[in-house]
Amino acid sequence: MARLILASRWIAIFILAVAIALIVVRWRFPQQRESGDGSVGFWRAVWQRLRQSRARSRQRELNAKALRGKTVLVIDPDERSSRVLVWRLESLGCSVVRARTGARGLELAKNAQPAVIIADALLPDMAATDLYAAAELPIVFVGTMKSQRREIAAIGRDVVCLGKPFDPDEAVSAAGELLRAQA
């Protein structure tokens, strides 16, 4: 009798875990009412999103791997946003050089020879296009406004624009992608 009660408890716990997993899946991947094939379409969509998520994750890992051991110049007048970015880069094993202005960043770029620059698009002393022209290195601009994105993206193929607030992992991935494209 005790074994039957114990077995029924384990079955109840298993059913509860499955129910919670289904609730989480439905919450994480909300059903789109466009397709008329019911739950089969829902699970197909979940599987497709999962595959896409894994592919993005693999790309981010490859991009981060491309940055390992490289020197990265971070130009940002805002101490808080640059601190998080520098922490993420250092956790990858990058050598990080920091500057608060574009002019100082260009000086440091000549001495440190960075592989890539991650800079705020709204620097106090120079425009983003001027920084790109002077640096002649791949640059990830963070904090770009929508009106700036087309202008900055048109200046060269070694430029990526990210809005603010930006995810440090996204900036790191973009920098790694630029380095992979150069190789």
C-alpha atoms as a PDB file:
ATOM      1  CA  MET A   1       0.000   0.000   0.000  1.00  0.00           C
ATOM      2  CA  ALA A   2       2.840   2.406   0.870  1.00  0.00           C
ATOM      3  CA  ARG A   3       4.460   1.736  -2.511  1.00  0.00           C
ATOM      4  CA  LEU A   4       1.211   2.541  -4.293  1.00  0.00           C
ATOM      5  CA  ILE A   5       0.919   5.860  -2.448  1.00  0.00           C
ATOM      6  CA  LEU A   6       4.570   6.678  -3.158  1.00  0.00           C
ATOM      7  CA  ALA A   7       4.152   5.790  -6.841  1.00  0.00           C
ATOM      8  CA  SER A   8       1.020   7.917  -7.133  1.00  0.00           C
ATOM      9  CA  ARG A   9       2.848  10.861  -5.562  1.00  0.00           C
ATOM     10  CA  TRP A  10       5.697  10.549  -8.078  1.00  0.00           C
ATOM     11  CA  ILE A  11       3.193  10.350 -10.935  1.00  0.00           C
ATOM     12  CA  ALA A  12       1.417  13.459  -9.615  1.00  0.00           C
ATOM     13  CA  ILE A  13       4.743  15.315  -9.356  1.00  0.00           C
ATOM     14  CA  PHE A  14       5.640  14.271 -12.911  1.00  0.00           C
ATOM     15  CA  ILE A  15       2.271  15.447 -14.266  1.00  0.00           C
ATOM     16  CA  LEU A  16       2.681  18.743 -12.393  1.00  0.00           C
ATOM     17  CA  ALA A  17       6.175  19.230 -13.862  1.00  0.00           C
ATOM     18  CA  VAL A  18       4.876  18.552 -17.386  1.00  0.00           C
ATOM     19  CA  ALA A  19       1.997  20.989 -16.856  1.00  0.00           C
ATOM     20  CA  ILE A  20       4.395  23.691 -15.639  1.00  0.00           C
ATOM     21  CA  ALA A  21       6.687  23.054 -18.619  1.00  0.00           C
ATOM     22  CA  LEU A  22       3.743  23.430 -21.015  1.00  0.00           C
ATOM     23  CA  ILE A  23       2.690  26.669 -19.332  1.00  0.00           C
ATOM     24  CA  VAL A  24       6.232  28.043 -19.626  1.00  0.00           C
ATOM     25  CA  VAL A  25       6.443  27.033 -23.306  1.00  0.00           C
ATOM     26  CA  ARG A  26       3.096  28.691 -24.059  1.00  0.00           C
ATOM     27  CA  TRP A  27       4.209  31.821 -22.187  1.00  0.00           C
ATOM     28  CA  ARG A  28       7.640  31.929 -23.840  1.00  0.00           C
ATOM     29  CA  PHE A  29       6.296  31.199 -27.331  1.00  0.00           C
ATOM     30  CA  PRO A  30       2.813  32.685 -27.587  1.00  0.00           C
ATOM     31  CA  GLN A  31       0.569  31.078 -30.168  1.00  0.00           C
ATOM     32  CA  GLN A  32      -0.084  33.011 -33.315  1.00  0.00           C
ATOM     33  CA  ARG A  33      -3.635  32.671 -34.602  1.00  0.00           C
ATOM     34  CA  GLU A  34      -2.650  33.018 -38.272  1.00  0.00           C
ATOM     35  CA  SER A  35      -2.320  29.314 -39.038  1.00  0.00           C
ATOM     36  CA  GLY A  36      -5.320  27.055 -38.865  1.00  0.00           C
ATOM     37  CA  ASP A  37      -3.508  23.807 -38.078  1.00  0.00           C
ATOM     38  CA  GLY A  38      -3.952  24.074 -34.301  1.00  0.00           C
ATOM     39  CA  SER A  39      -1.438  22.639 -31.895  1.00  0.00           C
ATOM     40  CA  VAL A  40       0.681  21.036 -34.636  1.00  0.00           C
ATOM     41  CA  GLY A  41       1.344  24.496 -36.038  1.00  0.00           C
ATOM     42  CA  PHE A  42       2.059  25.802 -32.570  1.00  0.00           C
ATOM     43  CA  TRP A  43       4.674  23.120 -31.875  1.00  0.00           C
ATOM     44  CA  ARG A  44       6.177  23.641 -35.336  1.00  0.00           C
ATOM     45  CA  ALA A  45       6.514  27.349 -34.545  1.00  0.00           C
ATOM     46  CA  VAL A  46       8.046  26.554 -31.142  1.00  0.00           C
ATOM     47  CA  TRP A  47      10.552  24.202 -32.784  1.00  0.00           C
ATOM     48  CA  GLN A  48      11.412  26.782 -35.466  1.00  0.00           C
ATOM     49  CA  ARG A  49      11.942  29.532 -32.878  1.00  0.00           C
ATOM     50  CA  LEU A  50      14.082  27.198 -30.803  1.00  0.00           C
ATOM     51  CA  ARG A  51      16.265  26.395 -33.834  1.00  0.00           C
ATOM     52  CA  GLN A  52      16.573  30.095 -34.669  1.00  0.00           C
ATOM     53  CA  SER A  53      17.489  30.877 -31.078  1.00  0.00           C
ATOM     54  CA  ARG A  54      20.168  28.184 -31.102  1.00  0.00           C
ATOM     55  CA  ALA A  55      21.555  29.481 -34.404  1.00  0.00           C
ATOM     56  CA  ARG A  56      21.750  33.035 -32.995  1.00  0.00           C
ATOM     57  CA  SER A  57      23.426  31.683 -29.879  1.00  0.00           C
ATOM     58  CA  ARG A  58      26.023  29.817 -31.974  1.00  0.00           C
ATOM     59  CA  GLN A  59      26.706  32.967 -34.000  1.00  0.00           C
ATOM     60  CA  ARG A  60      27.179  34.981 -30.807  1.00  0.00           C
ATOM     61  CA  GLU A  61      29.605  32.373 -29.482  1.00  0.00           C
ATOM     62  CA  LEU A  62      31.621  32.448 -32.714  1.00  0.00           C
ATOM     63  CA  ASN A  63      31.642  36.244 -32.676  1.00  0.00           C
ATOM     64  CA  ALA A  64      32.778  36.329 -29.042  1.00  0.00           C
ATOM     65  CA  LYS A  65      35.486  33.784 -29.836  1.00  0.00           C
ATOM     66  CA  ALA A  66      36.786  36.076 -32.604  1.00  0.00           C
ATOM     67  CA  LEU A  67      37.353  38.808 -29.980  1.00  0.00           C
ATOM     68  CA  ARG A  68      39.259  36.680 -27.456  1.00  0.00           C
ATOM     69  CA  GLY A  69      42.750  37.964 -26.824  1.00  0.00           C
ATOM     70  CA  LYS A  70      42.266  41.065 -28.981  1.00  0.00           C
ATOM     71  CA  THR A  71      42.634  44.687 -27.957  1.00  0.00           C
ATOM     72  CA  VAL A  72      39.379  46.654 -27.980  1.00  0.00           C
ATOM     73  CA  LEU A  73      39.081  50.424 -27.671  1.00  0.00           C
ATOM     74  CA  VAL A  74      35.937  51.619 -25.882  1.00  0.00           C
ATOM     75  CA  ILE A  75      35.092  55.292 -26.379  1.00  0.00           C
ATOM     76  CA  ASP A  76      32.158  56.381 -24.247  1.00  0.00           C
ATOM     77  CA  PRO A  77      31.674  59.540 -22.175  1.00  0.00           C
ATOM     78  CA  ASP A  78      29.176  57.716 -19.928  1.00  0.00           C
ATOM     79  CA  GLU A  79      31.089  55.858 -17.215  1.00  0.00           C
ATOM     80  CA  ARG A  80      28.262  53.457 -16.302  1.00  0.00           C
ATOM     81  CA  SER A  81      27.561  52.084 -19.759  1.00  0.00           C
ATOM     82  CA  SER A  82      31.257  51.720 -20.557  1.00  0.00           C
ATOM     83  CA  ARG A  83      31.912  49.949 -17.253  1.00  0.00           C
ATOM     84  CA  VAL A  84      29.462  47.148 -18.079  1.00  0.00           C
ATOM     85  CA  LEU A  85      30.853  46.816 -21.583  1.00  0.00           C
ATOM     86  CA  VAL A  86      34.448  46.739 -20.338  1.00  0.00           C
ATOM     87  CA  TRP A  87      33.533  44.083 -17.776  1.00  0.00           C
ATOM     88  CA  ARG A  88      32.007  41.908 -20.512  1.00  0.00           C
ATOM     89  CA  LEU A  89      35.018  42.342 -22.796  1.00  0.00           C
ATOM     90  CA  GLU A  90      37.486  41.565 -20.011  1.00  0.00           C
ATOM     91  CA  SER A  91      35.527  38.423 -19.139  1.00  0.00           C
ATOM     92  CA  LEU A  92      36.281  37.258 -22.710  1.00  0.00           C
ATOM     93  CA  GLY A  93      39.999  37.869 -22.233  1.00  0.00           C
ATOM     94  CA  CYS A  94      40.177  41.065 -24.260  1.00  0.00           C
ATOM     95  CA  SER A  95      42.613  43.828 -23.502  1.00  0.00           C
ATOM     96  CA  VAL A  96      40.457  46.935 -23.120  1.00  0.00           C
ATOM     97  CA  VAL A  97      41.554  50.529 -23.585  1.00  0.00           C
ATOM     98  CA  ARG A  98      39.090  53.234 -22.525  1.00  0.00           C
ATOM     99  CA  ALA A  99      38.590  56.823 -23.589  1.00  0.00           C
ATOM    100  CA  ARG A 100      35.900  59.405 -22.896  1.00  0.00           C
ATOM    101  CA  THR A 101      36.330  61.562 -26.005  1.00  0.00           C
ATOM    102  CA  GLY A 102      36.915  60.864 -29.666  1.00  0.00           C
ATOM    103  CA  ALA A 103      40.183  62.793 -29.802  1.00  0.00           C
ATOM    104  CA  ARG A 104      41.614  60.861 -26.855  1.00  0.00           C
ATOM    105  CA  GLY A 105      40.347  57.638 -28.390  1.00  0.00           C
ATOM    106  CA  LEU A 106      42.184  58.343 -31.631  1.00  0.00           C
ATOM    107  CA  GLU A 107      45.403  59.004 -29.679  1.00  0.00           C
ATOM    108  CA  LEU A 108      45.014  55.714 -27.845  1.00  0.00           C
ATOM    109  CA  ALA A 109      44.184  53.901 -31.105  1.00  0.00           C
ATOM    110  CA  LYS A 110      47.554  54.905 -32.561  1.00  0.00           C
ATOM    111  CA  ASN A 111      49.432  53.549 -29.534  1.00  0.00           C
ATOM    112  CA  ALA A 112      47.358  50.489 -28.585  1.00  0.00           C
ATOM    113  CA  GLN A 113      46.581  49.226 -32.106  1.00  0.00           C
ATOM    114  CA  PRO A 114      43.094  47.890 -31.269  1.00  0.00           C
ATOM    115  CA  ALA A 115      41.423  45.315 -33.477  1.00  0.00           C
ATOM    116  CA  VAL A 116      38.036  47.022 -33.155  1.00  0.00           C
ATOM    117  CA  ILE A 117      36.502  50.140 -31.612  1.00  0.00           C
ATOM    118  CA  ILE A 118      33.226  50.277 -29.698  1.00  0.00           C
ATOM    119  CA  ALA A 119      32.164  53.916 -29.451  1.00  0.00           C
ATOM    120  CA  ASP A 120      29.197  55.989 -28.434  1.00  0.00           C
ATOM    121  CA  ALA A 121      27.720  57.644 -31.517  1.00  0.00           C
ATOM    122  CA  LEU A 122      27.106  60.890 -29.644  1.00  0.00           C
ATOM    123  CA  LEU A 123      30.604  61.887 -28.575  1.00  0.00           C
ATOM    124  CA  PRO A 124      31.010  65.382 -27.126  1.00  0.00           C
ATOM    125  CA  ASP A 125      33.907  66.415 -29.349  1.00  0.00           C
ATOM    126  CA  MET A 126      33.412  64.787 -32.743  1.00  0.00           C
ATOM    127  CA  ALA A 127      30.830  63.283 -35.053  1.00  0.00           C
ATOM    128  CA  ALA A 128      30.622  59.543 -35.562  1.00  0.00           C
ATOM    129  CA  THR A 129      31.455  59.855 -39.262  1.00  0.00           C
ATOM    130  CA  ASP A 130      34.603  61.834 -38.448  1.00  0.00           C
ATOM    131  CA  LEU A 131      35.701  59.216 -35.931  1.00  0.00           C
ATOM    132  CA  TYR A 132      35.265  56.431 -38.487  1.00  0.00           C
ATOM    133  CA  ALA A 133      37.172  58.337 -41.155  1.00  0.00           C
ATOM    134  CA  ALA A 134      40.065  59.105 -38.800  1.00  0.00           C
ATOM    135  CA  ALA A 135      40.299  55.680 -37.166  1.00  0.00           C
ATOM    136  CA  GLU A 136      40.197  53.459 -40.272  1.00  0.00           C
ATOM    137  CA  LEU A 137      39.229  50.496 -38.060  1.00  0.00           C
ATOM    138  CA  PRO A 138      36.027  48.494 -37.698  1.00  0.00           C
ATOM    139  CA  ILE A 139      33.689  50.373 -35.365  1.00  0.00           C
ATOM    140  CA  VAL A 140      30.547  49.454 -33.452  1.00  0.00           C
ATOM    141  CA  PHE A 141      28.572  52.597 -32.679  1.00  0.00           C
ATOM    142  CA  VAL A 142      26.207  52.355 -29.723  1.00  0.00           C
ATOM    143  CA  GLY A 143      23.555  54.876 -28.877  1.00  0.00           C
ATOM    144  CA  THR A 144      22.724  55.784 -32.440  1.00  0.00           C
ATOM    145  CA  MET A 145      19.486  57.573 -33.121  1.00  0.00           C
ATOM    146  CA  LYS A 146      17.272  56.365 -35.958  1.00  0.00           C
ATOM    147  CA  SER A 147      18.131  59.438 -38.000  1.00  0.00           C
ATOM    148  CA  GLN A 148      21.867  58.663 -37.663  1.00  0.00           C
ATOM    149  CA  ARG A 149      21.734  54.966 -38.539  1.00  0.00           C
ATOM    150  CA  ARG A 150      21.414  55.368 -42.305  1.00  0.00           C
ATOM    151  CA  GLU A 151      24.085  58.049 -42.435  1.00  0.00           C
ATOM    152  CA  ILE A 152      26.549  56.040 -40.348  1.00  0.00           C
ATOM    153  CA  ALA A 153      25.828  52.734 -42.080  1.00  0.00           C
ATOM    154  CA  ALA A 154      26.467  54.391 -45.447  1.00  0.00           C
ATOM    155  CA  ILE A 155      30.032  55.466 -44.579  1.00  0.00           C
ATOM    156  CA  GLY A 156      31.523  51.988 -44.783  1.00  0.00           C
ATOM    157  CA  ARG A 157      31.012  48.295 -44.424  1.00  0.00           C
ATOM    158  CA  ASP A 158      33.107  48.061 -41.249  1.00  0.00           C
ATOM    159  CA  VAL A 159      30.424  49.831 -39.216  1.00  0.00           C
ATOM    160  CA  VAL A 160      27.596  48.484 -37.073  1.00  0.00           C
ATOM    161  CA  CYS A 161      25.020  50.711 -35.373  1.00  0.00           C
ATOM    162  CA  LEU A 162      23.190  49.761 -32.170  1.00  0.00           C
ATOM    163  CA  GLY A 163      20.560  51.826 -30.388  1.00  0.00           C
ATOM    164  CA  LYS A 164      20.506  52.676 -26.713  1.00  0.00           C
ATOM    165  CA  PRO A 165      19.971  51.106 -24.318  1.00  0.00           C
ATOM    166  CA  PHE A 166      22.184  48.430 -25.789  1.00  0.00           C
ATOM    167  CA  ASP A 167      22.936  44.935 -24.627  1.00  0.00           C
ATOM    168  CA  PRO A 168      26.692  44.533 -23.968  1.00  0.00           C
ATOM    169  CA  ASP A 169      26.531  41.022 -25.417  1.00  0.00           C
ATOM    170  CA  GLU A 170      25.031  42.457 -28.591  1.00  0.00           C
ATOM    171  CA  ALA A 171      27.851  44.994 -28.865  1.00  0.00           C
ATOM    172  CA  VAL A 172      30.459  42.276 -28.273  1.00  0.00           C
ATOM    173  CA  SER A 173      28.786  40.057 -30.865  1.00  0.00           C
ATOM    174  CA  ALA A 174      28.709  42.880 -33.401  1.00  0.00           C
ATOM    175  CA  ALA A 175      32.406  43.608 -32.831  1.00  0.00           C
ATOM    176  CA  GLY A 176      33.273  39.934 -33.248  1.00  0.00           C
ATOM    177  CA  GLU A 177      31.184  39.761 -36.405  1.00  0.00           C
ATOM    178  CA  LEU A 178      33.130  42.684 -37.868  1.00  0.00           C
ATOM    179  CA  LEU A 179      36.423  40.916 -37.077  1.00  0.00           C
ATOM    180  CA  ARG A 180      35.173  37.657 -38.603  1.00  0.00           C
ATOM    181  CA  ALA A 181      34.106  39.507 -41.754  1.00  0.00           C
ATOM    182  CA  GLN A 182      37.600  40.982 -42.116  1.00  0.00           C
ATOM    183  CA  ALA A 183      39.339  37.608 -41.822  1.00  0.00           C
END
